[in-house]
Protein backbone atom coordinates (compact mmCIF):
# COMPACT_ATOMS: atom_id res chain seq x y z
CA UNK A 1 -36.65 -6.28 8.48
CA UNK A 2 -37.08 -8.82 11.10
CA UNK A 3 -36.30 -11.72 8.79
CA UNK A 4 -33.00 -9.69 7.57
CA UNK A 5 -32.14 -9.23 11.57
CA UNK A 6 -32.55 -12.82 12.23
CA UNK A 7 -30.29 -13.70 9.00
CA UNK A 8 -27.69 -11.77 10.44
CA UNK A 9 -27.95 -12.85 13.94
CA UNK A 10 -27.60 -16.66 12.71
CA UNK A 11 -24.60 -15.87 10.66
CA UNK A 12 -23.06 -13.80 13.48
CA UNK A 13 -23.54 -17.14 15.86
CA UNK A 14 -22.15 -19.37 12.87
CA UNK A 15 -18.91 -17.12 13.29
CA UNK A 16 -18.79 -17.12 17.32
CA UNK A 17 -19.12 -21.20 17.01
CA UNK A 18 -16.55 -21.94 14.66
CA UNK A 19 -14.18 -18.97 14.86
CA UNK A 20 -10.31 -19.04 15.92
CA UNK A 21 -9.66 -15.56 14.37
CA UNK A 22 -6.19 -14.60 14.11
CA UNK A 23 -4.67 -11.09 14.08
CA UNK A 24 -2.50 -10.02 11.04
CA UNK A 25 0.98 -8.36 11.53
CA UNK A 26 0.92 -4.54 12.10
CA UNK A 27 4.75 -4.29 11.63
CA UNK A 28 3.94 -2.74 8.20
CA UNK A 29 6.91 -0.24 7.60
CA UNK A 30 9.37 -2.11 4.96
CA UNK A 31 12.39 -0.90 6.99
CA UNK A 32 11.65 -1.98 10.40
CA UNK A 33 9.51 -5.36 9.97
CA UNK A 34 11.73 -7.83 10.73
CA UNK A 35 9.67 -11.06 9.08
CA UNK A 36 10.76 -11.06 5.30
CA UNK A 37 14.12 -12.72 6.66
CA UNK A 38 12.12 -15.80 7.68
CA UNK A 39 9.28 -15.55 5.09
CA UNK A 40 11.24 -15.70 2.09
CA UNK A 41 13.15 -19.03 2.99
CA UNK A 42 12.61 -22.40 1.12
CA UNK A 43 10.05 -24.26 2.74
CA UNK A 44 8.53 -21.41 4.53
CA UNK A 45 5.24 -21.70 2.71
CA UNK A 46 3.37 -18.66 3.64
CA UNK A 47 1.92 -16.41 0.90
CA UNK A 48 4.32 -13.81 1.28
CA UNK A 49 2.54 -11.93 -1.38
CA UNK A 50 -0.17 -11.04 0.90
CA UNK A 51 1.82 -7.93 2.91
CA UNK A 52 -0.09 -8.17 5.82
CA UNK A 53 1.56 -11.71 7.15
CA UNK A 54 -0.81 -13.69 9.79
CA UNK A 55 0.70 -13.82 13.32
CA UNK A 56 0.01 -17.63 13.62
CA UNK A 57 1.77 -18.50 10.50
CA UNK A 58 4.77 -16.37 11.57
CA UNK A 59 4.79 -18.19 15.07
CA UNK A 60 4.53 -21.71 13.09
CA UNK A 61 7.90 -20.43 11.30
CA UNK A 62 9.50 -18.74 14.44
CA UNK A 63 9.24 -17.41 17.78
CA UNK A 64 7.86 -13.87 17.08
CA UNK A 65 9.43 -12.54 20.43
CA UNK A 66 12.67 -14.00 19.89
CA UNK A 67 12.60 -12.40 16.29
CA UNK A 68 11.48 -8.76 17.49
CA UNK A 69 14.36 -8.95 20.22
CA UNK A 70 16.96 -10.37 18.19
CA UNK A 71 20.49 -9.60 19.47
CA UNK A 72 18.68 -7.00 22.05
CA UNK A 73 19.35 -7.24 25.57
CA UNK A 74 16.17 -7.78 27.48
CA UNK A 75 15.84 -6.36 31.09
CA UNK A 76 15.10 -8.99 33.48
CA UNK A 77 12.49 -9.10 36.61
CA UNK A 78 9.31 -7.23 36.57
CA UNK A 79 8.72 -4.23 34.22
CA UNK A 80 7.83 -1.17 35.47
CA UNK A 81 6.55 1.97 33.99
CA UNK A 82 9.49 2.99 32.51
CA UNK A 83 10.82 -0.52 31.23
CA UNK A 84 7.28 -0.90 29.37
CA UNK A 85 8.16 2.49 27.37
CA UNK A 86 11.48 1.09 26.57
CA UNK A 87 10.90 -2.45 26.37
CA UNK A 88 7.57 -3.96 26.13
CA UNK A 89 3.94 -2.69 25.46
CA UNK A 90 2.79 0.23 27.55
CA UNK A 91 -0.54 -1.42 28.77
CA UNK A 92 -1.34 -4.96 28.65
CA UNK A 93 -4.18 -7.00 30.11
CA UNK A 94 -3.85 -10.72 29.53
CA UNK A 95 -6.29 -12.46 31.85
CA UNK A 96 -7.92 -15.93 31.20
CA UNK A 97 -8.82 -15.71 27.37
CA UNK A 98 -8.75 -11.88 27.14
CA UNK A 99 -5.92 -10.35 25.57
CA UNK A 100 -5.70 -6.49 24.96
CA UNK A 101 -2.48 -4.40 24.13
CA UNK A 102 -2.27 -0.87 23.85
CA UNK A 103 0.73 1.04 22.40
CA UNK A 104 1.50 4.88 21.57
CA UNK A 105 2.21 5.71 18.09
CA UNK A 106 3.89 9.02 17.78
CA UNK A 107 6.41 10.97 15.23
CA UNK A 108 8.15 14.09 16.85
CA UNK A 109 10.48 15.27 13.89
CA UNK A 110 12.80 18.59 13.17
CA UNK A 111 14.45 19.14 10.16
CA UNK A 112 15.57 21.91 7.29
CA UNK A 113 15.34 22.11 3.84
CA UNK A 114 18.13 23.61 2.84
CA UNK A 115 17.42 24.65 -0.79
CA UNK A 116 14.40 27.07 0.23
CA UNK A 117 15.41 27.43 3.81
CA UNK A 118 12.39 26.09 5.44
CA UNK A 119 12.49 24.49 8.72
CA UNK A 120 10.23 21.29 8.81
CA UNK A 121 8.58 19.52 11.38
CA UNK A 122 5.94 16.70 12.15
CA UNK A 123 3.88 16.31 15.07
CA UNK A 124 1.93 12.88 15.18
CA UNK A 125 0.34 11.96 17.99
CA UNK A 126 -2.11 8.21 18.54
CA UNK A 127 -2.17 5.04 19.42
CA UNK A 128 -3.08 1.40 18.44
CA UNK A 129 -5.04 -1.13 20.24
CA UNK A 130 -5.30 -4.75 19.44
CA UNK A 131 -6.21 -7.98 21.01
CA UNK A 132 -8.93 -10.81 21.40
CA UNK A 133 -11.68 -11.51 23.72
CA UNK A 134 -12.40 -14.75 24.00
CA UNK A 135 -11.13 -17.15 21.40
CA UNK A 136 -13.69 -15.68 18.57
CA UNK A 137 -12.98 -12.21 18.39
CA UNK A 138 -9.89 -10.53 17.20
CA UNK A 139 -9.40 -6.91 16.81
CA UNK A 140 -6.94 -3.87 15.87
CA UNK A 141 -7.51 -0.23 15.65
CA UNK A 142 -5.17 2.92 15.67
CA UNK A 143 -5.71 6.42 15.04
CA UNK A 144 -3.00 9.43 14.37
CA UNK A 145 -3.60 13.03 14.30
CA UNK A 146 -0.77 15.15 12.68
CA UNK A 147 0.41 18.73 11.96
CA UNK A 148 3.53 19.28 9.62
CA UNK A 149 5.71 21.22 7.47
CA UNK A 150 7.00 19.26 4.80
CA UNK A 151 9.93 19.19 2.34
CA UNK A 152 8.91 21.28 -1.02
CA UNK A 153 7.80 18.56 -2.97
CA UNK A 154 5.74 16.83 -0.60
CA UNK A 155 4.20 20.28 0.04
CA UNK A 156 3.77 20.70 -3.60
CA UNK A 157 1.96 17.33 -3.90
CA UNK A 158 -0.26 18.40 -0.73
CA UNK A 159 -1.06 21.75 -2.01
CA UNK A 160 -1.94 20.50 -5.59
CA UNK A 161 -4.41 17.38 -4.59
CA UNK A 162 -5.60 18.82 -0.99
CA UNK A 163 -4.55 15.43 0.37
CA UNK A 164 -1.08 14.02 1.76
CA UNK A 165 0.63 11.21 0.46
CA UNK A 166 -1.17 8.27 1.68
CA UNK A 167 -2.98 10.22 4.56
CA UNK A 168 -5.94 11.60 2.97
CA UNK A 169 -7.74 15.17 3.27
CA UNK A 170 -5.30 17.95 4.73
CA UNK A 171 -6.53 21.27 5.67
CA UNK A 172 -4.32 24.52 6.40
CA UNK A 173 -2.35 24.78 9.50
CA UNK A 174 -0.33 27.53 10.71
CA UNK A 175 1.45 29.59 7.56
CA UNK A 176 2.51 27.03 5.55
CA UNK A 177 1.54 23.76 7.25
CA UNK A 178 -0.76 20.52 6.92
CA UNK A 179 -3.28 19.51 9.50
CA UNK A 180 -4.47 15.77 8.82
CA UNK A 181 -5.41 12.45 10.27
CA UNK A 182 -6.27 9.00 9.46
CA UNK A 183 -7.80 5.95 11.40
CA UNK A 184 -7.55 2.20 10.45
CA UNK A 185 -8.85 -0.90 12.29
CA UNK A 186 -10.67 -4.29 11.66
CA UNK A 187 -12.32 -7.18 13.62
CA UNK A 188 -11.85 -10.69 12.36
CA UNK A 189 -13.20 -14.33 12.32
CA UNK A 190 -12.15 -17.45 11.18
CA UNK A 191 -15.32 -19.40 10.50
CA UNK A 192 -15.46 -23.17 9.74
CA UNK A 193 -11.67 -24.83 9.05
CA UNK A 194 -10.73 -23.04 6.15
CA UNK A 195 -12.77 -19.70 5.65
CA UNK A 196 -12.18 -16.21 7.34
CA UNK A 197 -14.02 -12.74 7.41
CA UNK A 198 -12.61 -9.44 7.87
CA UNK A 199 -14.68 -6.07 8.28
CA UNK A 200 -12.53 -2.92 8.87
CA UNK A 201 -11.25 0.23 7.64
CA UNK A 202 -7.57 0.46 5.79
CA UNK A 203 -5.46 -0.51 2.95
CA UNK A 204 -3.90 -3.76 1.59
CA UNK A 205 -0.89 -4.56 -0.40
CA UNK A 206 -0.41 -7.08 -2.92
CA UNK A 207 3.00 -8.52 -4.20
CA UNK A 208 6.47 -9.27 -3.00
CA UNK A 209 8.03 -5.80 -3.65
CA UNK A 210 8.82 -2.30 -2.57
CA UNK A 211 6.07 -1.35 -5.44
CA UNK A 212 2.91 -3.38 -6.34
CA UNK A 213 1.50 -2.74 -9.70
CA UNK A 214 -1.52 -4.52 -8.78
CA UNK A 215 -3.19 -3.25 -5.44
CA UNK A 216 -0.93 -1.02 -2.81
CA UNK A 217 -1.24 1.04 0.25
CA UNK A 218 -0.40 4.22 -1.17
CA UNK A 219 -3.70 5.61 -1.17
CA UNK A 220 -5.75 6.65 1.53
CA UNK A 221 -7.64 4.16 3.98
CA UNK A 222 -11.32 2.76 2.97
CA UNK A 223 -14.06 0.70 4.38
CA UNK A 224 -13.73 -2.89 3.05
CA UNK A 225 -15.12 -6.31 3.58
CA UNK A 226 -12.52 -9.43 3.08
CA UNK A 227 -13.26 -13.03 2.65
CA UNK A 228 -10.41 -15.65 2.30
CA UNK A 229 -10.08 -19.30 1.83
CA UNK A 230 -6.91 -21.04 2.74
CA UNK A 231 -6.28 -24.65 1.94
CA UNK A 232 -3.58 -26.96 0.78
CA UNK A 233 -1.16 -24.62 -0.75
CA UNK A 234 -3.47 -22.04 -2.06
CA UNK A 235 -4.92 -19.07 -0.75
CA UNK A 236 -7.62 -16.97 -2.10
CA UNK A 237 -8.97 -13.49 -1.12
CA UNK A 238 -11.76 -10.92 -2.34
CA UNK A 239 -11.91 -7.67 -0.95
CA UNK A 240 -15.44 -5.54 -1.35
CA UNK A 241 -14.52 -1.88 -0.78
CA UNK A 242 -16.16 1.57 -0.74
CA UNK A 243 -14.03 4.46 -2.16
CA UNK A 244 -14.47 8.09 -2.62
CA UNK A 245 -13.97 10.43 -5.84
CA UNK A 246 -12.68 13.48 -3.67
CA UNK A 247 -13.49 16.54 -5.38
CA UNK A 248 -10.92 19.57 -4.14
CA UNK A 249 -13.07 22.61 -5.92
CA UNK A 250 -15.66 21.50 -3.51
CA UNK A 251 -13.96 20.90 -0.55
CA UNK A 252 -15.43 22.74 2.33
CA UNK A 253 -19.03 23.10 0.46
CA UNK A 254 -21.88 20.82 2.20
CA UNK A 255 -21.30 18.51 -0.62
CA UNK A 256 -20.96 14.66 -0.61
CA UNK A 257 -18.08 13.25 -2.76
CA UNK A 258 -19.07 10.32 -5.35
CA UNK A 259 -18.96 7.09 -4.43
CA UNK A 260 -17.23 4.38 -6.04
CA UNK A 261 -16.74 0.57 -5.72
CA UNK A 262 -14.11 -2.06 -5.69
CA UNK A 263 -13.91 -6.00 -5.91
CA UNK A 264 -10.46 -7.47 -5.80
CA UNK A 265 -9.46 -11.07 -6.20
CA UNK A 266 -6.48 -12.79 -5.94
CA UNK A 267 -5.55 -16.24 -6.09
CA UNK A 268 -2.16 -17.44 -4.80
CA UNK A 269 -0.48 -20.84 -5.22
CA UNK A 270 2.79 -21.91 -3.67
CA UNK A 271 4.63 -24.47 -5.64
CA UNK A 272 6.89 -26.60 -4.19
CA UNK A 273 8.99 -25.36 -1.30
CA UNK A 274 10.57 -22.16 -3.51
CA UNK A 275 7.93 -20.59 -5.92
CA UNK A 276 4.73 -19.24 -6.09
CA UNK A 277 2.39 -17.48 -8.81
CA UNK A 278 -0.56 -15.55 -7.77
CA UNK A 279 -3.72 -14.39 -10.46
CA UNK A 280 -5.31 -11.11 -9.94
CA UNK A 281 -8.26 -9.41 -11.30
CA UNK A 282 -10.29 -6.15 -10.00
CA UNK A 283 -13.10 -4.02 -10.95
CA UNK A 284 -13.85 -0.27 -10.20
CA UNK A 285 -17.44 1.10 -10.73
CA UNK A 286 -19.13 4.24 -9.87
CA UNK A 287 -22.06 4.15 -7.26
CA UNK A 288 -24.14 6.54 -9.51
CA UNK A 289 -23.69 6.40 -13.72
CA UNK A 290 -25.79 7.37 -16.59
CA UNK A 291 -28.50 5.15 -15.57
CA UNK A 292 -29.34 6.38 -12.28
CA UNK A 293 -28.17 5.23 -8.54
CA UNK A 294 -26.43 1.84 -9.05
CA UNK A 295 -25.15 1.39 -5.43
CA UNK A 296 -23.49 -2.02 -4.84
CA UNK A 297 -24.01 -4.09 -7.85
CA UNK A 298 -25.02 -7.77 -6.69
CA UNK A 299 -23.43 -8.93 -10.03
CA UNK A 300 -20.06 -8.85 -8.51
CA UNK A 301 -21.28 -10.23 -5.05
CA UNK A 302 -20.12 -13.89 -6.16
CA UNK A 303 -16.51 -14.11 -4.67
CA UNK A 304 -15.45 -16.78 -7.56
CA UNK A 305 -16.57 -15.35 -10.44
CA UNK A 306 -14.38 -13.94 -13.26
CA UNK A 307 -14.83 -10.12 -13.29
CA UNK A 308 -14.22 -9.75 -17.15
CA UNK A 309 -17.06 -11.95 -18.19
CA UNK A 310 -19.30 -10.21 -15.48
CA UNK A 311 -18.56 -6.91 -16.78
CA UNK A 312 -19.15 -8.00 -20.22
CA UNK A 313 -22.38 -9.73 -19.66
CA UNK A 314 -24.03 -7.00 -17.82
CA UNK A 315 -22.80 -4.28 -20.47
CA UNK A 316 -21.40 -1.98 -18.17
CA UNK A 317 -18.22 0.61 -18.78
CA UNK A 318 -16.56 -0.36 -15.45
CA UNK A 319 -12.85 -0.77 -15.17
CA UNK A 320 -11.13 -4.07 -15.33
CA UNK A 321 -7.59 -4.76 -14.35
CA UNK A 322 -6.00 -8.00 -14.17
CA UNK A 323 -2.59 -9.40 -13.32
CA UNK A 324 -0.40 -11.93 -11.76
CA UNK A 325 2.69 -11.81 -9.24
CA UNK A 326 5.38 -14.35 -9.00
CA UNK A 327 8.44 -15.37 -6.81
CA UNK A 328 11.11 -17.43 -7.09
CA UNK A 329 13.26 -18.35 -3.70
CA UNK A 330 16.92 -19.26 -5.57
CA UNK A 331 18.64 -19.57 -2.11
CA UNK A 332 18.21 -18.89 1.25
CA UNK A 333 19.75 -15.40 0.72
CA UNK A 334 18.30 -14.76 -2.54
CA UNK A 335 14.67 -14.33 -3.91
CA UNK A 336 13.22 -12.85 -7.38
CA UNK A 337 10.03 -11.52 -7.85
CA UNK A 338 7.89 -10.09 -10.22
CA UNK A 339 4.42 -8.74 -11.32
CA UNK A 340 2.23 -8.08 -14.85
CA UNK A 341 -0.38 -5.72 -14.65
CA UNK A 342 -3.11 -5.87 -17.67
CA UNK A 343 -5.79 -3.28 -18.57
CA UNK A 344 -6.38 -4.13 -22.25
CA UNK A 345 -5.05 -6.90 -24.82
CA UNK A 346 -5.41 -6.84 -28.36
CA UNK A 347 -2.84 -9.18 -29.73
CA UNK A 348 -2.18 -7.61 -33.38
CA UNK A 349 -1.65 -4.35 -31.47
CA UNK A 350 0.50 -5.41 -29.03
CA UNK A 351 2.75 -7.39 -31.20
CA UNK A 352 2.62 -5.20 -34.10
CA UNK A 353 4.38 -2.52 -31.94
CA UNK A 354 1.77 0.01 -33.13
CA UNK A 355 2.18 1.83 -30.14
CA UNK A 356 -1.71 1.67 -29.57
CA UNK A 357 -3.05 4.07 -26.96
CA UNK A 358 -4.94 1.06 -25.19
CA UNK A 359 -2.14 -1.29 -24.80
CA UNK A 360 -2.33 -1.00 -21.23
CA UNK A 361 0.34 -2.95 -19.69
CA UNK A 362 3.24 -2.87 -17.00
CA UNK A 363 5.54 -4.97 -15.25
CA UNK A 364 7.85 -5.32 -12.38
CA UNK A 365 11.08 -7.40 -11.68
CA UNK A 366 12.89 -7.37 -8.23
CA UNK A 367 15.28 -9.62 -6.33
CA UNK A 368 15.46 -9.59 -2.56
CA UNK A 369 19.02 -10.37 -0.85
CA UNK A 370 19.42 -11.43 2.82
CA UNK A 371 22.85 -11.41 4.74
CA UNK A 372 24.76 -10.43 1.82
CA UNK A 373 28.49 -11.03 1.39
CA UNK A 374 28.03 -13.58 4.17
CA UNK A 375 27.50 -10.50 6.36
CA UNK A 376 24.72 -10.90 8.83
CA UNK A 377 21.52 -8.66 8.72
CA UNK A 378 22.92 -7.00 5.65
CA UNK A 379 20.30 -7.21 3.35
CA UNK A 380 19.62 -5.33 -0.44
CA UNK A 381 16.67 -5.16 -2.61
CA UNK A 382 16.64 -4.06 -6.60
CA UNK A 383 13.41 -3.51 -8.38
CA UNK A 384 12.45 -2.11 -11.59
CA UNK A 385 9.13 -1.06 -12.63
CA UNK A 386 7.57 0.45 -16.02
CA UNK A 387 3.92 0.64 -16.80
CA UNK A 388 2.54 2.03 -20.16
CA UNK A 389 0.71 5.12 -20.51
CA UNK A 390 -3.25 5.20 -19.45
CA UNK A 391 -3.07 2.10 -17.95
CA UNK A 392 -5.58 2.29 -14.89
CA UNK A 393 -7.44 5.07 -16.33
CA UNK A 394 -10.90 4.95 -17.97
CA UNK A 395 -13.27 7.50 -20.35
CA UNK A 396 -14.42 8.90 -17.08
CA UNK A 397 -12.51 10.34 -13.84
CA UNK A 398 -14.77 8.60 -11.48
CA UNK A 399 -13.89 4.97 -12.80
CA UNK A 400 -10.43 5.28 -12.45
CA UNK A 401 -8.24 2.56 -10.49
CA UNK A 402 -7.62 4.93 -7.82
CA UNK A 403 -9.05 6.31 -4.64
CA UNK A 404 -9.26 9.96 -2.66
CA UNK A 405 -6.81 11.44 -5.52
CA UNK A 406 -4.46 8.79 -5.21
CA UNK A 407 -3.79 5.73 -7.55
CA UNK A 408 -4.66 2.25 -5.88
CA UNK A 409 -1.45 0.64 -7.35
CA UNK A 410 2.08 2.58 -7.90
CA UNK A 411 2.25 6.09 -6.45
CA UNK A 412 3.27 7.44 -9.79
CA UNK A 413 0.27 6.31 -11.81
CA UNK A 414 1.18 5.10 -15.11
CA UNK A 415 3.54 6.28 -18.08
CA UNK A 416 6.74 5.68 -15.97
CA UNK A 417 10.02 3.63 -15.31
CA UNK A 418 11.60 3.36 -12.23
CA UNK A 419 14.30 1.58 -10.71
CA UNK A 420 15.17 1.60 -6.90
CA UNK A 421 17.48 -0.17 -4.80
CA UNK A 422 17.27 -0.09 -0.89
CA UNK A 423 20.31 -1.16 1.46
CA UNK A 424 19.62 -1.95 5.00
CA UNK A 425 22.10 -3.12 7.74
CA UNK A 426 21.12 -3.75 11.25
CA UNK A 427 23.50 -4.48 14.38
CA UNK A 428 21.69 -5.16 17.30
CA UNK A 429 19.82 -1.69 18.00
CA UNK A 430 21.50 0.26 15.46
CA UNK A 431 19.95 0.43 11.54
CA UNK A 432 21.57 1.91 8.57
CA UNK A 433 19.25 2.35 5.69
CA UNK A 434 20.30 3.65 2.06
CA UNK A 435 17.50 4.06 -0.38
CA UNK A 436 18.19 5.29 -3.93
CA UNK A 437 15.61 5.92 -6.85
CA UNK A 438 15.50 7.07 -10.50
CA UNK A 439 12.64 7.65 -11.92
CA UNK A 440 11.56 8.53 -15.66
CA UNK A 441 7.81 9.79 -16.54
CA UNK A 442 5.81 11.71 -18.87
CA UNK A 443 3.71 14.26 -16.98
CA UNK A 444 0.82 16.35 -18.19
CA UNK A 445 1.26 20.02 -19.18
CA UNK A 446 -1.89 21.36 -17.12
CA UNK A 447 -3.83 22.19 -20.27
CA UNK A 448 -6.63 19.64 -20.20
CA UNK A 449 -4.75 17.33 -22.52
CA UNK A 450 -4.08 13.74 -20.80
CA UNK A 451 -0.37 11.98 -21.81
CA UNK A 452 -1.09 9.01 -19.73
CA UNK A 453 0.05 9.71 -16.40
CA UNK A 454 -2.41 10.97 -14.15
CA UNK A 455 -4.99 7.59 -13.85
CA UNK A 456 -7.89 10.44 -13.06
CA UNK A 457 -7.67 12.33 -16.41
CA UNK A 458 -10.47 10.94 -18.86
CA UNK A 459 -8.17 8.62 -21.35
CA UNK A 460 -10.61 10.12 -24.11
CA UNK A 461 -8.95 13.43 -23.98
CA UNK A 462 -5.69 12.34 -25.42
CA UNK A 463 -3.44 14.70 -27.64
CA UNK A 464 -4.57 15.54 -31.56
CA UNK A 465 -2.84 14.30 -34.70
CA UNK A 466 -2.23 16.33 -37.43
CA UNK A 467 -5.81 15.88 -38.69
CA UNK A 468 -6.88 17.04 -35.07
CA UNK A 469 -8.25 14.03 -34.42
CA UNK A 470 -7.84 12.08 -31.15
CA UNK A 471 -4.54 10.12 -31.71
CA UNK A 472 -4.70 6.16 -31.26
CA UNK A 473 -1.15 5.11 -31.98
CA UNK A 474 2.54 6.32 -31.22
CA UNK A 475 2.02 6.49 -27.73
CA UNK A 476 4.98 5.46 -25.51
CA UNK A 477 6.74 5.69 -22.08
CA UNK A 478 7.79 9.21 -21.16
CA UNK A 479 5.75 10.90 -23.66
CA UNK A 480 4.03 14.51 -22.80
CA UNK A 481 6.45 16.51 -20.65
CA UNK A 482 9.61 14.03 -20.04
CA UNK A 483 10.38 14.52 -16.37
CA UNK A 484 13.41 12.61 -14.42
CA UNK A 485 13.31 12.53 -10.66
CA UNK A 486 16.54 10.98 -8.91
CA UNK A 487 16.30 10.44 -5.17
CA UNK A 488 18.37 9.47 -2.27
CA UNK A 489 17.84 8.86 1.31
CA UNK A 490 20.13 7.83 3.95
CA UNK A 491 19.48 7.55 7.40
CA UNK A 492 20.64 5.78 10.83
CA UNK A 493 18.23 5.00 13.63
CA UNK A 494 18.75 3.23 17.12
CA UNK A 495 15.80 1.09 18.18
CA UNK A 496 14.49 1.41 21.68
CA UNK A 497 11.39 -0.59 22.15
CA UNK A 498 10.72 -3.59 19.58
CA UNK A 499 7.14 -3.73 20.41
CA UNK A 500 5.87 -0.47 18.52
CA UNK A 501 9.13 0.17 16.63
CA UNK A 502 10.25 3.17 18.71
CA UNK A 503 13.67 4.32 17.56
CA UNK A 504 15.61 7.56 17.22
CA UNK A 505 16.50 8.62 13.54
CA UNK A 506 19.13 11.27 11.87
CA UNK A 507 19.15 11.38 7.85
CA UNK A 508 19.41 13.33 4.77
CA UNK A 509 17.23 13.50 1.59
CA UNK A 510 18.58 14.52 -1.71
CA UNK A 511 16.21 14.64 -4.66
CA UNK A 512 16.00 16.33 -7.92
CA UNK A 513 13.35 16.90 -10.57
CA UNK A 514 14.05 18.34 -14.02
CA UNK A 515 12.17 18.82 -17.19
CA UNK A 516 11.71 21.52 -20.02
CA UNK A 517 9.98 23.72 -17.98
CA UNK A 518 11.61 23.55 -14.58
CA UNK A 519 13.95 22.07 -12.10
CA UNK A 520 13.18 21.56 -8.36
CA UNK A 521 16.34 20.66 -6.05
CA UNK A 522 15.22 19.22 -2.49
CA UNK A 523 18.03 18.71 0.04
CA UNK A 524 16.54 17.82 3.55
CA UNK A 525 18.01 17.09 6.84
CA UNK A 526 16.05 15.45 9.59
CA UNK A 527 16.03 14.02 13.19
CA UNK A 528 12.84 12.14 14.60
CA UNK A 529 11.84 10.23 17.58
CA UNK A 530 9.15 8.10 16.25
CA UNK A 531 7.45 4.72 16.15
CA UNK A 532 8.08 3.03 12.71
CA UNK A 533 4.67 0.68 12.20
CA UNK A 534 2.83 2.09 8.94
CA UNK A 535 4.29 2.19 5.59
CA UNK A 536 4.36 6.18 3.94
CA UNK A 537 5.67 6.10 0.78
CA UNK A 538 7.48 9.72 0.85
CA UNK A 539 9.93 9.00 -1.61
CA UNK A 540 8.52 9.61 -5.03
């Protein structure tokens, strides 16, 4: 015990000696984040597929404050309390080498869901604190508490899974409302010249698109340790995390949800001034398996070991997922990107076109444009995603590529095709956004048979063939209860304070889901006074 404490103290002193840590950008909302316009430029040399950009890298590219306040009139002179609310950080300490910032987080939204005549609202209150103490310790933390009555399709999702999209566990509030909360944060060190360490509770996103088929931020936050190496044109990152297999049926009991661990490796290489390619590998495994309590498997501790050989060598049933991400900056105004995800690969089955059930693959193709048609601040993003049935799944639910009842990659899980377009136009403080999505997927019928969409359904529960044997072949995207969803969201907002993206927004959402069993229509009109920092994926 004494030796362990001395070792920890020694390592901590090393971090303090060499640390010059840098904060990550906390502007994660894709609609309001101003940084993509400078990141996707030839010669930027930023590893853009790491969604949480480092502030020191952004400051090397541009003046971050100038970018935040681009086109906005900045008040002169001393900032009093009210000017801070509408222009700057609410509370700020900047003395010697101590810098601390405190800002509110809120969303006060009201609306009407016309089809079912429901009055919706969201009441979110919280705050975030970020800063550094000395040159060695950087930190960020936030907390939000929410009560909400939501549109019909989100309400159905929440009541079915007992979690809010991206927000974790919920409980009943009022007649048809939901109460939920979330806290995230981290502390960060850069030790030596090329290496960094981060300990936190939060989410991660790998990719250049609106969605990610590798690792995304659509699930609930989780505790993690992240190690990074950054040198020349290479960045390598490994994340060790702890997740939970949430059981709705035992919610409220004196019951600890089963744990699971994940290790996620990602190596990104910038090629010249325009291209990059990233290699991804991950493993998910249960804390307890048939051999007893396993805990964190030390075989996966080596940050540079390849997952598949390790998994094979130890004879484990772990769930390994691999893939790659790529982008090419064709011009100052145009970037192409894509992803490929792979769960299983057997060449004769793939090229034989047998539609084998374990052909677990998916891909993404997309394009980003900036200043389209020469119109300043007119940006368009087009993206297509598809994933075959049973990708991310396992023969045991707890090994699934998911956390707290939600997938770790795409919000739809698997067995889907999706096309989306996002248009944004900003003029000074005004932002207009239009988001269009068309999706086709194959859902389950609720009879215990998995058609491949739900990553938590054991893939041994596939449909039977004519001989009452579990079917191995003939599996295709959209099988099962074929469902089509069309989703359109248009809104206009007025930006008040760029520091916490304080804005006033009015918008409308039209959604239609249809299959052989039902049709669900949604027409939702809303008005909100809010801060738009976090990405919340409620269009699905």
